[in-house]
Amino acid sequence: MADVFAALAEHNIRIRSTSVGNHKTTCPACSSTRRKKNDQCLSVTVKPDDSVVWHCHHCSFSGGAGGSEYRPVRERRVYRKPAREASPQRPDSLHAWFEKRGISRAVVDRFGIYKTRQWFPQTDKEEDCIAFPYEWDGELRNVKYRTANKLFRQEKDPEPVFFNADSIGAGEDLIICEGEIDVMALIEAGFHHVVSLPNGAPSGPETSEKRYEPFGTHWELLLQVKRFLIATDMDGPGEALANEIARRVGKDRSFRVRLPAESKDANECLLNHGKQMLVDCVNAAEPWPIDGLHDIESFANDVLDIYHGRGPQPLTTGFKEFDKAFRYIPGQFIAVTGIPNHGKSRFIDQVAVQTARLRDERWGFFSPETGESNHIVDLSEIWVGQPFYDGPTVRMTEDELVTAMAWLNERIFLLGAVDHTPSIDWLLERARAAVIRYGVTNIVIDPYNEIEASRPDKLTETEFISQLISKCKQFGKRHGCTIWMIIHPTKLKAHGEGKEPIPGLYDLAGSAHWRNKADAGLVVYRDYEEQVTFVISKKIRRQPICGRPGSVTFQFVGADRRFEEMPASFKNLGSE
C-alpha cells in the first residue's frame, strides 16, 4: 500500500496520524497568507483503502491521492513566470505611503514597485494593493502583493527566490531580513547586498520546508558569501527565523543584527532613529556564539530557553524502549560501532527513515562501501516493510519501490566522490551545501576508514582522528547538524570457542579519541544463537535527558526488513 504521509507530503499537507476518518490541519495553499495562520481550515479524510481526499473551507483547495491507483509525483516542479505589468502605476499616493516609512522615491522606483488591484482569498474580493516584483538574473520570477491592512498573497507557483536576489555577491557580506520594506530601508541606509524571504517568519513551530526554498535556489551563490548579517525582526518569530538561517548557512559565518528596544525591524529603526543608527546597528552585528571569549550574558537567552523547554530538546530515534538508553540533541557527534554484518548500518538507516517520518528530518549519507544503488535498496526495504528480492516473503512490487524512492528523494541525500578518496574537508563542504540547499539535519559517514585513506603521511592516525572529530563537532555546532560516524572495531579475539566479544568504544580502529571526544557512543551487536540484536549505549554525555548507558534488545524481522525492539528490554550498563 502507498504511504498516506508520503501521498499528502507531495501536496505539502501534514496530519498527525493516518487513522481512518476525518482530520483537520492548516492549508498549504492559503494559511501562510492569512491573518489566522494556524486556523485549521483544511479537512482531510483518510479512507480504509489508504486513499485520501481534502478540501479547504477557506480557499477551496481540493484534491485526492493514495489508494490502489496512487502513483507518486515524479516530475520536476514547473514554475510559472508572471507577466510583467504593461503600464505599472506609481501615483503620488504610492510614493507618499513609502515616504511615511522613510523610503525615498528613488528606492521605490529602483525596485519597480507599483500600485494595482488583485484578488485576495482572505477577503474573497479584489483589493487595492502594492506589488513587489521579485527579479533575478534579468527575469521576473514572482510578484508579492500587500494591502494597506497587511494582507499578503503571491503569484501562483512562483520560483522560490529571495527579494533583491541579484544583490548576492561572491566574497561580500549579505544582510538577510524578514520583509521587502526592511530590504528597502537598509538600501536607503546605504547597504547594497540585502535580501529577504518571500514568506517571512514562522508564526509557530515550523511545519514546512517551503519557507526556506530560496536557500535551495541560490545555494551556489550563498556558499560564496563572506558573512551573513541576520536582521530579522526582534520578536519570537524573528528569532526563530534567525536561528534556522544561521543553522543553514553556518553559525561560523552568521552575525546577529540587534536593533534598539523600541524598534522591531529595520524599517522601524530607520523611522525612529534615522539612517545612521541603522548603519551602526548593522556594523555592530554580534557574531553567533561559537568560538572565542564570551561573557555569561552572551548565552543567557540560550540557558533560559533550555530551562523553559524552548532550546534544543533530545530527539527520539523512533524506538520508544530505546529512548531509555539513547536520545540525541541536534549538533552532537555520535560514534557507532559493531562487528561487520551485525547490522550497525542497517540500524542507522532505520533511524533515518523513522525520524524522517516522525519529524520530516533530512539525512545526508556518505556510504561508499554499500554503494548508492544498494543503499537505496536498503532504505526502500525499510520504508516499504517488504524485501527487495524474492525469498520466503513476497518481494515489494515495482509500484511500491517507485513510491518509496519518490518519498526518499525528498528526505535522503547521498554524498560521495567517484574519482578520488574524499577528505573530511571535502565531505563537510558537500555537507554544508546539503544543509543550505535541502535543510539536512543529520550527516552519516559510513565508515570512517573510507576517510582514513586520505590521511596525510605526516599525521599519525591518532592525530588524524583527533582533528577529524574536532572538524565534525565544529560543523555540527555551526549547523545544528548531528554527525553519525560509523567505525569498524579492531580485530577482536573470541574467548575459546564462544561467541564473538562485544566491542567497546576503546576497541575502535585507530584511537581512544572515539570514546573520549564523542557525545554518545553506540554498539550494535548481533547474537546469532539467540537470534537477537543488542543496541548498547556505551556513552551518554547528556545524562539523564539523553538516556542512561544501557542496552535494548531488538529482533530483526526478515519479513519486513526492519528491527523491532522488545518491550521492557532495557538494562542498565553493567547489569547481567
Protein backbone atom coordinates (compact mmCIF):
# COMPACT_ATOMS: atom_id res chain seq x y z
CA MET A 1 0.00 0.00 0.00
CA ALA A 2 1.14 3.55 -0.65
CA ASP A 3 2.12 5.59 2.39
CA VAL A 4 -0.54 8.19 3.27
CA PHE A 5 2.05 10.54 4.80
CA ALA A 6 4.06 10.46 1.56
CA ALA A 7 1.00 10.98 -0.62
CA LEU A 8 0.00 14.04 1.40
CA ALA A 9 3.55 15.37 1.67
CA GLU A 10 3.67 15.74 -2.11
CA HIS A 11 1.00 18.40 -1.69
CA ASN A 12 2.65 19.96 1.42
CA ILE A 13 -0.17 18.62 3.62
CA ARG A 14 0.70 17.21 7.04
CA ILE A 15 -1.55 15.44 9.51
CA ARG A 16 -0.62 13.97 12.89
CA SER A 17 -1.86 10.44 12.21
CA THR A 18 -3.13 8.37 9.31
CA SER A 19 -6.02 6.72 11.13
CA VAL A 20 -9.12 6.23 9.02
CA GLY A 21 -11.51 9.14 9.41
CA ASN A 22 -11.55 12.93 9.36
CA HIS A 23 -8.62 15.18 10.24
CA LYS A 24 -8.08 18.95 10.39
CA THR A 25 -4.89 20.82 9.54
CA THR A 26 -3.63 24.07 8.02
CA CYS A 27 -3.92 24.65 4.28
CA PRO A 28 -0.71 24.82 2.20
CA ALA A 29 -2.47 26.99 -0.36
CA CYS A 30 -3.75 29.82 1.83
CA SER A 31 -2.79 29.51 5.53
CA SER A 32 0.58 31.26 5.15
CA THR A 33 -1.15 34.33 3.70
CA ARG A 34 -3.94 34.55 6.26
CA ARG A 35 -4.13 36.61 9.40
CA LYS A 36 -5.06 33.48 11.38
CA LYS A 37 -2.22 31.37 10.04
CA ASN A 38 -2.85 28.48 12.43
CA ASP A 39 -6.56 28.15 11.63
CA GLN A 40 -7.09 24.50 10.66
CA CYS A 41 -9.25 25.19 7.65
CA LEU A 42 -8.27 22.09 5.64
CA SER A 43 -10.39 18.96 6.10
CA VAL A 44 -8.59 15.70 5.29
CA THR A 45 -10.38 12.35 5.07
CA VAL A 46 -8.40 9.10 5.19
CA LYS A 47 -10.32 6.17 3.70
CA PRO A 48 -9.96 2.45 4.54
CA ASP A 49 -8.11 1.74 1.26
CA ASP A 50 -5.42 4.33 2.22
CA SER A 51 -6.76 6.83 -0.28
CA VAL A 52 -7.18 10.37 0.99
CA VAL A 53 -9.13 13.45 -0.06
CA TRP A 54 -9.02 17.03 1.18
CA HIS A 55 -10.87 20.32 0.91
CA CYS A 56 -10.11 23.79 2.27
CA HIS A 57 -13.16 25.62 3.61
CA HIS A 58 -11.41 28.95 3.09
CA CYS A 59 -9.83 28.88 -0.37
CA SER A 60 -11.46 25.70 -1.79
CA PHE A 61 -8.10 23.98 -2.36
CA SER A 62 -9.17 20.36 -3.00
CA GLY A 63 -7.70 17.11 -4.20
CA GLY A 64 -7.03 13.45 -3.54
CA ALA A 65 -4.23 10.89 -3.51
CA GLY A 66 -3.35 7.40 -2.36
CA GLY A 67 -5.25 4.17 -2.75
CA SER A 68 -4.59 1.40 -5.24
CA GLU A 69 -4.36 3.85 -8.14
CA TYR A 70 -1.90 6.14 -6.40
CA ARG A 71 1.39 6.90 -8.12
CA PRO A 72 3.92 9.35 -6.74
CA VAL A 73 4.54 12.68 -8.38
CA ARG A 74 7.91 12.28 -10.08
CA GLU A 75 8.12 15.17 -12.49
CA ARG A 76 10.13 18.23 -11.58
CA ARG A 77 8.27 21.25 -10.36
CA VAL A 78 7.31 23.72 -13.04
CA TYR A 79 7.45 27.34 -12.01
CA ARG A 80 5.24 29.98 -13.55
CA LYS A 81 6.88 33.24 -14.51
CA PRO A 82 4.39 36.09 -14.13
CA ALA A 83 3.82 38.51 -16.96
CA ARG A 84 5.25 41.97 -16.49
CA GLU A 85 2.80 44.77 -15.81
CA ALA A 86 2.46 46.63 -19.11
CA SER A 87 1.79 50.04 -17.54
CA PRO A 88 2.79 50.00 -13.86
CA GLN A 89 1.02 52.71 -11.89
CA ARG A 90 3.11 54.79 -9.49
CA PRO A 91 0.84 57.59 -8.33
CA ASP A 92 1.94 60.22 -5.83
CA SER A 93 -0.09 58.40 -3.16
CA LEU A 94 2.17 55.36 -3.57
CA HIS A 95 5.32 57.40 -3.04
CA ALA A 96 3.68 59.23 -0.14
CA TRP A 97 2.94 55.89 1.55
CA PHE A 98 6.59 54.89 1.31
CA GLU A 99 7.85 58.33 2.33
CA LYS A 100 5.97 57.92 5.60
CA ARG A 101 8.15 54.84 6.12
CA GLY A 102 11.37 56.66 5.31
CA ILE A 103 11.69 55.16 1.81
CA SER A 104 12.54 57.59 -0.99
CA ARG A 105 11.05 57.77 -4.46
CA ALA A 106 14.39 56.65 -5.94
CA VAL A 107 14.40 53.39 -3.96
CA VAL A 108 10.74 52.67 -4.80
CA ASP A 109 11.44 53.16 -8.50
CA ARG A 110 14.65 51.12 -8.30
CA PHE A 111 12.69 48.04 -7.23
CA GLY A 112 9.95 48.60 -9.80
CA ILE A 113 7.22 48.74 -7.14
CA TYR A 114 3.78 49.80 -8.31
CA LYS A 115 0.14 50.04 -7.26
CA THR A 116 -2.50 47.62 -8.56
CA ARG A 117 -5.64 45.67 -7.71
CA GLN A 118 -5.59 41.95 -7.03
CA TRP A 119 -7.97 39.31 -5.74
CA PHE A 120 -7.22 38.22 -2.17
CA PRO A 121 -8.50 34.89 -0.81
CA GLN A 122 -8.66 36.35 2.70
CA THR A 123 -11.48 38.70 1.71
CA ASP A 124 -12.66 36.88 -1.43
CA LYS A 125 -12.57 40.07 -3.47
CA GLU A 126 -10.26 42.44 -5.28
CA GLU A 127 -8.29 44.89 -3.15
CA ASP A 128 -6.04 47.88 -3.77
CA CYS A 129 -2.51 46.76 -3.06
CA ILE A 130 1.20 47.34 -3.59
CA ALA A 131 3.13 44.99 -5.89
CA PHE A 132 6.71 43.94 -5.06
CA PRO A 133 8.39 42.36 -8.13
CA TYR A 134 10.89 39.58 -7.42
CA GLU A 135 13.57 39.90 -10.10
CA TRP A 136 16.55 37.59 -10.54
CA ASP A 137 19.10 37.36 -13.31
CA GLY A 138 17.14 39.63 -15.64
CA GLU A 139 13.82 37.81 -15.30
CA LEU A 140 10.68 38.37 -13.26
CA ARG A 141 10.22 35.29 -11.04
CA ASN A 142 7.43 36.29 -8.66
CA VAL A 143 5.28 39.23 -7.53
CA LYS A 144 4.17 39.64 -3.94
CA TYR A 145 1.13 41.79 -3.14
CA ARG A 146 0.34 43.65 0.07
CA THR A 147 -2.74 45.62 1.09
CA ALA A 148 -2.72 48.60 3.44
CA ASN A 149 -4.02 46.39 6.30
CA LYS A 150 -1.28 43.77 5.80
CA LEU A 151 -2.99 41.11 3.73
CA PHE A 152 -0.48 39.24 1.55
CA ARG A 153 -0.52 36.97 -1.46
CA GLN A 154 1.88 35.93 -4.22
CA GLU A 155 1.71 34.71 -7.78
CA LYS A 156 0.73 31.06 -8.23
CA ASP A 157 3.58 28.51 -8.43
CA PRO A 158 6.41 31.06 -8.40
CA GLU A 159 10.07 30.13 -8.45
CA PRO A 160 11.31 30.42 -4.85
CA VAL A 161 13.80 33.30 -4.89
CA PHE A 162 14.92 35.96 -2.47
CA PHE A 163 13.67 39.52 -2.85
CA ASN A 164 16.60 41.51 -4.34
CA ALA A 165 18.41 38.24 -5.15
CA ASP A 166 20.71 39.93 -7.68
CA SER A 167 22.43 41.70 -4.79
CA ILE A 168 24.04 38.44 -3.53
CA GLY A 169 27.76 38.87 -4.19
CA ALA A 170 30.64 36.39 -4.00
CA GLY A 171 33.06 37.41 -1.26
CA GLU A 172 30.65 40.04 0.08
CA ASP A 173 28.63 40.25 3.28
CA LEU A 174 24.90 39.58 2.86
CA ILE A 175 22.16 41.02 5.05
CA ILE A 176 19.08 38.78 5.36
CA CYS A 177 15.92 40.36 6.76
CA GLU A 178 12.27 39.45 7.04
CA GLY A 179 10.38 41.58 4.53
CA GLU A 180 10.64 43.68 1.40
CA ILE A 181 10.25 47.02 3.19
CA ASP A 182 13.12 46.12 5.54
CA VAL A 183 15.28 45.46 2.46
CA MET A 184 14.35 48.88 1.14
CA ALA A 185 15.10 50.52 4.49
CA LEU A 186 18.58 49.01 4.52
CA ILE A 187 19.15 50.08 0.91
CA GLU A 188 18.03 53.57 1.96
CA ALA A 189 20.70 53.47 4.68
CA GLY A 190 23.40 52.78 2.11
CA PHE A 191 23.78 49.00 2.11
CA HIS A 192 23.92 47.11 -1.18
CA HIS A 193 23.77 43.37 -0.50
CA VAL A 194 20.39 42.82 1.17
CA VAL A 195 17.70 40.15 0.63
CA SER A 196 14.55 38.89 2.30
CA LEU A 197 12.47 35.71 2.23
CA PRO A 198 9.09 35.87 0.46
CA ASN A 199 7.20 34.14 3.30
CA GLY A 200 8.57 35.97 6.33
CA ALA A 201 8.94 34.30 9.72
CA PRO A 202 7.01 31.31 11.11
CA SER A 203 4.15 32.19 13.44
CA GLY A 204 4.61 28.93 15.37
CA PRO A 205 6.52 25.64 15.11
CA GLU A 206 7.78 25.16 11.57
CA THR A 207 5.76 22.58 9.63
CA SER A 208 7.06 23.02 6.09
CA GLU A 209 10.29 23.36 4.15
CA LYS A 210 8.61 25.80 1.73
CA ARG A 211 9.68 28.93 3.62
CA TYR A 212 13.36 28.10 3.07
CA GLU A 213 13.24 27.03 -0.58
CA PRO A 214 15.09 30.19 -1.76
CA PHE A 215 18.17 28.81 0.01
CA GLY A 216 17.99 25.87 -2.41
CA THR A 217 17.60 28.15 -5.42
CA HIS A 218 20.59 30.32 -4.55
CA TRP A 219 22.76 27.78 -2.69
CA GLU A 220 25.78 28.06 -5.01
CA LEU A 221 25.92 31.83 -4.53
CA LEU A 222 25.33 31.52 -0.79
CA LEU A 223 28.35 29.25 -0.44
CA GLN A 224 30.48 32.16 -1.68
CA VAL A 225 29.12 34.80 0.72
CA LYS A 226 31.67 36.09 3.22
CA ARG A 227 29.38 36.75 6.22
CA PHE A 228 25.64 36.61 6.84
CA LEU A 229 24.24 39.54 8.82
CA ILE A 230 20.85 38.32 10.04
CA ALA A 231 18.46 41.25 10.54
CA THR A 232 15.14 39.51 11.11
CA ASP A 233 12.54 41.07 13.41
CA MET A 234 13.28 41.44 17.12
CA ASP A 235 10.43 39.20 18.27
CA GLY A 236 9.79 35.50 18.83
CA PRO A 237 9.11 34.54 15.20
CA GLY A 238 12.06 36.68 14.06
CA GLU A 239 14.38 34.90 16.49
CA ALA A 240 13.13 31.50 15.30
CA LEU A 241 13.80 32.51 11.69
CA ALA A 242 17.24 33.86 12.61
CA ASN A 243 18.19 30.58 14.27
CA GLU A 244 17.16 28.50 11.26
CA ILE A 245 19.01 30.82 8.86
CA ALA A 246 22.16 30.57 10.99
CA ARG A 247 21.86 26.78 11.13
CA ARG A 248 21.68 26.53 7.35
CA VAL A 249 24.37 28.98 6.34
CA GLY A 250 26.65 28.12 9.26
CA LYS A 251 26.96 29.83 12.62
CA ASP A 252 30.63 30.46 11.90
CA ARG A 253 29.57 32.91 9.17
CA SER A 254 26.49 34.30 10.95
CA PHE A 255 26.14 37.61 12.79
CA ARG A 256 23.00 38.85 14.53
CA VAL A 257 21.91 42.45 13.92
CA ARG A 258 20.39 43.82 17.14
CA LEU A 259 18.06 46.83 16.91
CA PRO A 260 17.03 49.35 19.61
CA ALA A 261 14.42 48.05 22.05
CA GLU A 262 11.55 50.13 20.63
CA SER A 263 12.28 49.13 17.02
CA LYS A 264 11.01 45.72 15.94
CA ASP A 265 12.55 45.75 12.46
CA ALA A 266 14.89 47.66 10.17
CA ASN A 267 12.18 49.97 8.87
CA GLU A 268 11.10 50.99 12.38
CA CYS A 269 14.74 51.66 13.29
CA LEU A 270 15.07 53.89 10.21
CA LEU A 271 11.92 55.80 11.14
CA ASN A 272 12.59 56.09 14.87
CA HIS A 273 16.32 56.77 14.84
CA GLY A 274 17.44 57.61 11.31
CA LYS A 275 19.87 56.12 8.84
CA GLN A 276 22.97 56.40 10.98
CA MET A 277 21.51 54.33 13.81
CA LEU A 278 20.55 51.60 11.35
CA VAL A 279 24.06 51.68 9.90
CA ASP A 280 25.56 51.48 13.39
CA CYS A 281 23.36 48.50 14.31
CA VAL A 282 24.41 46.56 11.22
CA ASN A 283 28.07 47.40 11.71
CA ALA A 284 27.83 46.25 15.35
CA ALA A 285 26.30 42.87 14.44
CA GLU A 286 27.29 40.26 17.03
CA PRO A 287 28.97 37.01 15.98
CA TRP A 288 26.91 33.91 16.68
CA PRO A 289 28.24 32.29 19.86
CA ILE A 290 30.63 29.58 18.67
CA ASP A 291 34.27 30.23 19.45
CA GLY A 292 36.34 32.73 21.36
CA LEU A 293 35.71 34.59 24.57
CA HIS A 294 32.18 35.40 25.72
CA ASP A 295 30.58 36.58 28.90
CA ILE A 296 27.70 34.80 30.64
CA GLU A 297 25.19 37.30 29.22
CA SER A 298 26.02 36.11 25.68
CA PHE A 299 24.38 32.77 26.49
CA ALA A 300 21.71 33.91 28.96
CA ASN A 301 18.85 33.58 26.48
CA ASP A 302 20.03 30.12 25.41
CA VAL A 303 20.14 28.94 29.04
CA LEU A 304 16.69 30.35 29.75
CA ASP A 305 15.37 28.63 26.61
CA ILE A 306 16.73 25.30 27.89
CA TYR A 307 15.18 25.94 31.31
CA HIS A 308 11.76 26.62 29.78
CA GLY A 309 11.99 23.77 27.30
CA ARG A 310 12.46 26.04 24.28
CA GLY A 311 16.05 25.12 23.50
CA PRO A 312 17.28 22.06 21.60
CA GLN A 313 15.49 19.05 23.02
CA PRO A 314 16.56 15.40 22.98
CA LEU A 315 15.07 13.63 19.96
CA THR A 316 13.80 10.08 19.76
CA THR A 317 15.11 7.65 17.17
CA GLY A 318 11.57 6.34 16.82
CA PHE A 319 12.18 3.42 19.18
CA LYS A 320 10.26 4.02 22.42
CA GLU A 321 12.16 1.49 24.58
CA PHE A 322 15.49 2.67 23.16
CA ASP A 323 14.71 6.19 24.38
CA LYS A 324 15.67 4.95 27.85
CA ALA A 325 19.20 4.28 26.59
CA PHE A 326 19.70 6.95 23.96
CA ARG A 327 18.26 10.13 22.52
CA TYR A 328 20.21 12.75 20.63
CA ILE A 329 20.40 16.54 20.53
CA PRO A 330 20.95 18.28 17.17
CA GLY A 331 24.62 19.10 16.66
CA GLN A 332 26.07 16.15 18.56
CA PHE A 333 28.84 13.82 17.35
CA ILE A 334 27.82 10.16 17.71
CA ALA A 335 30.19 7.23 17.30
CA VAL A 336 28.57 3.96 16.16
CA THR A 337 30.37 0.64 16.00
CA GLY A 338 29.76 -3.07 15.66
CA ILE A 339 31.33 -6.18 14.22
CA PRO A 340 30.87 -6.35 10.41
CA ASN A 341 27.48 -7.81 9.41
CA HIS A 342 25.98 -7.23 12.85
CA GLY A 343 23.61 -4.56 11.47
CA LYS A 344 25.03 -1.18 12.51
CA SER A 345 24.50 0.45 9.10
CA ARG A 346 21.02 -1.05 8.78
CA PHE A 347 20.08 0.20 12.23
CA ILE A 348 21.12 3.78 11.39
CA ASP A 349 19.23 3.51 8.07
CA GLN A 350 16.08 2.62 10.00
CA VAL A 351 16.63 5.53 12.40
CA ALA A 352 16.89 7.83 9.36
CA VAL A 353 13.61 6.58 7.84
CA GLN A 354 11.79 6.70 11.19
CA THR A 355 12.89 10.25 12.06
CA ALA A 356 12.09 11.42 8.54
CA ARG A 357 8.58 10.06 9.05
CA LEU A 358 8.24 11.43 12.59
CA ARG A 359 9.72 14.90 12.13
CA ASP A 360 10.45 15.21 8.41
CA GLU A 361 14.18 15.20 9.20
CA ARG A 362 16.57 15.30 6.25
CA TRP A 363 19.63 13.00 6.15
CA GLY A 364 22.86 13.05 4.16
CA PHE A 365 24.76 9.75 3.74
CA PHE A 366 28.34 9.03 2.71
CA SER A 367 28.32 5.22 2.37
CA PRO A 368 30.80 4.12 -0.34
CA GLU A 369 31.11 0.54 0.97
CA THR A 370 27.39 -0.03 0.40
CA GLY A 371 27.17 1.92 -2.86
CA GLU A 372 24.41 4.33 -3.83
CA SER A 373 22.08 1.87 -5.58
CA ASN A 374 22.38 -0.80 -2.90
CA HIS A 375 21.84 1.80 -0.21
CA ILE A 376 18.62 2.93 -1.89
CA VAL A 377 17.53 -0.73 -1.96
CA ASP A 378 18.11 -1.00 1.82
CA LEU A 379 16.26 2.23 2.57
CA SER A 380 13.37 1.23 0.30
CA GLU A 381 13.00 -2.10 2.13
CA ILE A 382 12.74 -0.27 5.44
CA TRP A 383 10.24 2.23 4.06
CA VAL A 384 8.01 -0.35 2.35
CA GLY A 385 8.39 -3.04 5.01
CA GLN A 386 9.00 -5.79 2.45
CA PRO A 387 12.13 -7.34 0.92
CA PHE A 388 13.55 -6.09 -2.37
CA TYR A 389 14.49 -9.59 -3.55
CA ASP A 390 12.48 -12.78 -3.93
CA GLY A 391 12.59 -15.12 -0.97
CA PRO A 392 10.42 -16.68 1.70
CA THR A 393 8.49 -13.41 1.84
CA VAL A 394 6.86 -11.85 -1.22
CA ARG A 395 9.05 -9.03 -2.54
CA MET A 396 7.82 -5.46 -2.90
CA THR A 397 6.06 -4.52 -6.12
CA GLU A 398 7.59 -2.16 -8.63
CA ASP A 399 4.91 0.42 -7.76
CA GLU A 400 5.87 0.21 -4.08
CA LEU A 401 9.54 0.63 -4.98
CA VAL A 402 8.81 3.69 -7.12
CA THR A 403 6.67 5.16 -4.32
CA ALA A 404 9.46 4.54 -1.79
CA MET A 405 12.10 6.21 -3.97
CA ALA A 406 9.87 9.25 -4.53
CA TRP A 407 9.42 9.64 -0.77
CA LEU A 408 13.12 9.07 -0.02
CA ASN A 409 14.10 11.53 -2.75
CA GLU A 410 12.69 14.38 -0.66
CA ARG A 411 14.48 13.38 2.55
CA ILE A 412 17.66 11.37 1.87
CA PHE A 413 20.66 12.82 0.03
CA LEU A 414 23.79 10.92 -0.99
CA LEU A 415 27.31 12.29 -0.71
CA GLY A 416 30.27 10.74 -2.47
CA ALA A 417 33.18 11.06 -4.84
CA VAL A 418 33.62 8.89 -7.93
CA ASP A 419 37.19 9.67 -8.98
CA HIS A 420 39.04 10.22 -5.68
CA THR A 421 39.14 9.35 -2.00
CA PRO A 422 37.45 12.28 -0.27
CA SER A 423 38.97 14.06 2.69
CA ILE A 424 36.87 15.09 5.67
CA ASP A 425 37.17 18.73 4.49
CA TRP A 426 35.78 17.78 1.07
CA LEU A 427 32.90 15.85 2.65
CA LEU A 428 31.97 18.58 5.12
CA GLU A 429 31.94 21.16 2.33
CA ARG A 430 29.40 18.98 0.45
CA ALA A 431 27.51 18.52 3.70
CA ARG A 432 27.37 22.32 4.08
CA ALA A 433 25.80 22.55 0.62
CA ALA A 434 23.26 19.88 1.63
CA VAL A 435 22.31 21.86 4.74
CA ILE A 436 21.86 25.12 2.82
CA ARG A 437 20.12 23.60 -0.19
CA TYR A 438 17.94 20.90 1.40
CA GLY A 439 17.87 21.71 5.13
CA VAL A 440 19.71 18.47 6.05
CA THR A 441 19.90 17.92 9.82
CA ASN A 442 21.91 14.66 10.01
CA ILE A 443 25.10 13.52 8.29
CA VAL A 444 26.19 9.85 8.33
CA ILE A 445 29.77 8.86 7.45
CA ASP A 446 29.81 5.09 6.93
CA PRO A 447 32.54 4.05 7.58
CA TYR A 448 35.46 6.06 8.94
CA ASN A 449 38.13 4.00 7.17
CA GLU A 450 36.97 5.40 3.79
CA ILE A 451 38.08 8.80 5.10
CA GLU A 452 41.21 7.46 6.79
CA ALA A 453 42.62 6.63 3.36
CA SER A 454 43.06 10.39 2.80
CA ARG A 455 45.27 10.81 5.92
CA PRO A 456 48.43 12.85 5.17
CA ASP A 457 51.68 10.95 5.72
CA LYS A 458 52.87 13.49 8.27
CA LEU A 459 49.99 12.79 10.67
CA THR A 460 49.74 9.77 12.92
CA GLU A 461 46.34 8.09 12.89
CA THR A 462 45.69 9.28 16.44
CA GLU A 463 46.39 12.91 15.43
CA PHE A 464 44.30 12.50 12.30
CA ILE A 465 41.30 11.13 14.23
CA SER A 466 41.50 13.91 16.81
CA GLN A 467 41.46 16.57 14.09
CA LEU A 468 38.69 14.76 12.19
CA ILE A 469 36.41 14.60 15.24
CA SER A 470 37.07 18.26 16.04
CA LYS A 471 36.15 19.31 12.50
CA CYS A 472 32.97 17.24 12.63
CA LYS A 473 31.95 18.68 16.00
CA GLN A 474 32.61 22.24 14.82
CA PHE A 475 30.45 21.59 11.74
CA GLY A 476 27.71 20.13 13.93
CA LYS A 477 27.65 23.17 16.21
CA ARG A 478 27.68 25.64 13.34
CA HIS A 479 24.79 23.99 11.51
CA GLY A 480 22.84 22.29 14.32
CA CYS A 481 23.54 19.09 12.38
CA THR A 482 24.10 15.71 14.04
CA ILE A 483 27.12 13.75 12.78
CA TRP A 484 26.89 9.94 12.91
CA MET A 485 30.32 8.32 12.42
CA ILE A 486 30.37 4.55 11.87
CA ILE A 487 33.69 2.95 12.82
CA HIS A 488 34.81 -0.64 12.48
CA PRO A 489 36.31 -2.16 15.64
CA THR A 490 39.80 -3.58 15.68
CA LYS A 491 40.20 -7.34 15.39
CA LEU A 492 38.62 -8.90 18.46
CA LYS A 493 39.62 -12.22 19.98
CA ALA A 494 36.86 -14.69 20.77
CA HIS A 495 37.05 -16.36 24.16
CA GLY A 496 37.73 -20.02 23.32
CA GLU A 497 35.04 -21.33 21.01
CA GLY A 498 32.46 -18.97 22.40
CA LYS A 499 30.71 -16.01 20.87
CA GLU A 500 32.50 -13.01 19.48
CA PRO A 501 33.02 -10.45 22.26
CA ILE A 502 31.00 -7.27 22.32
CA PRO A 503 33.28 -4.41 21.21
CA GLY A 504 33.69 -1.34 23.36
CA LEU A 505 34.42 2.23 22.34
CA TYR A 506 38.10 1.77 23.23
CA ASP A 507 38.23 -1.10 20.70
CA LEU A 508 37.65 1.18 17.72
CA ALA A 509 40.23 1.38 14.97
CA GLY A 510 42.90 3.97 15.46
CA SER A 511 42.39 5.85 18.69
CA ALA A 512 40.79 6.22 22.10
CA HIS A 513 39.57 9.64 20.88
CA TRP A 514 36.41 7.94 19.58
CA ARG A 515 35.44 7.20 23.18
CA ASN A 516 36.76 10.36 24.75
CA LYS A 517 35.54 13.02 22.33
CA ALA A 518 32.18 11.62 21.17
CA ASP A 519 28.96 12.98 22.67
CA ALA A 520 27.46 9.49 22.54
CA GLY A 521 28.71 6.04 21.62
CA LEU A 522 26.56 3.15 20.36
CA VAL A 523 27.39 -0.51 19.79
CA VAL A 524 25.26 -2.81 17.62
CA TYR A 525 25.83 -6.50 18.46
CA ARG A 526 24.00 -9.47 16.98
CA ASP A 527 23.72 -12.71 18.99
CA TYR A 528 23.25 -15.28 16.25
CA GLU A 529 22.50 -18.11 18.68
CA GLU A 530 19.69 -16.25 20.39
CA GLN A 531 18.67 -14.52 17.13
CA VAL A 532 18.53 -11.11 18.77
CA THR A 533 20.44 -7.86 18.36
CA PHE A 534 21.56 -5.68 21.23
CA VAL A 535 21.96 -1.95 20.70
CA ILE A 536 24.06 -0.64 23.56
CA SER A 537 24.63 2.97 24.56
CA LYS A 538 28.16 2.83 25.93
CA LYS A 539 28.47 6.57 26.46
CA ILE A 540 25.89 9.32 27.00
CA ARG A 541 27.30 12.78 27.63
CA ARG A 542 23.99 14.48 28.49
CA GLN A 543 22.53 12.22 31.19
CA PRO A 544 19.73 11.75 32.08
CA ILE A 545 17.90 13.80 29.43
CA CYS A 546 19.56 11.82 26.61
CA GLY A 547 19.18 8.46 28.35
CA ARG A 548 21.35 6.22 30.50
CA PRO A 549 24.11 3.87 29.38
CA GLY A 550 22.47 0.52 28.80
CA SER A 551 21.25 -2.00 26.25
CA VAL A 552 17.96 -2.67 24.48
CA THR A 553 17.14 -5.95 22.75
CA PHE A 554 15.92 -5.98 19.16
CA GLN A 555 14.76 -8.64 16.73
CA PHE A 556 15.45 -8.25 13.03
CA VAL A 557 12.24 -9.27 11.27
CA GLY A 558 13.21 -10.62 7.87
CA ALA A 559 9.69 -10.40 6.53
CA ASP A 560 9.53 -6.63 6.84
CA ARG A 561 13.31 -5.97 6.80
CA ARG A 562 13.18 -3.92 9.97
CA PHE A 563 14.44 -4.02 13.53
CA GLU A 564 11.73 -4.38 16.16
CA GLU A 565 12.54 -3.56 19.77
CA MET A 566 11.42 -5.90 22.52
CA PRO A 567 9.24 -4.20 25.16
CA ALA A 568 10.76 -3.70 28.63
CA SER A 569 14.14 -5.00 27.44
CA PHE A 570 16.23 -2.04 28.61
CA LYS A 571 19.01 -2.97 31.02
CA ASN A 572 21.47 -0.60 32.67
CA LEU A 573 25.06 -0.97 31.53
CA GLY A 574 26.83 -3.37 33.88
CA SER A 575 23.77 -5.44 34.71
CA GLU A 576 23.57 -9.02 33.52
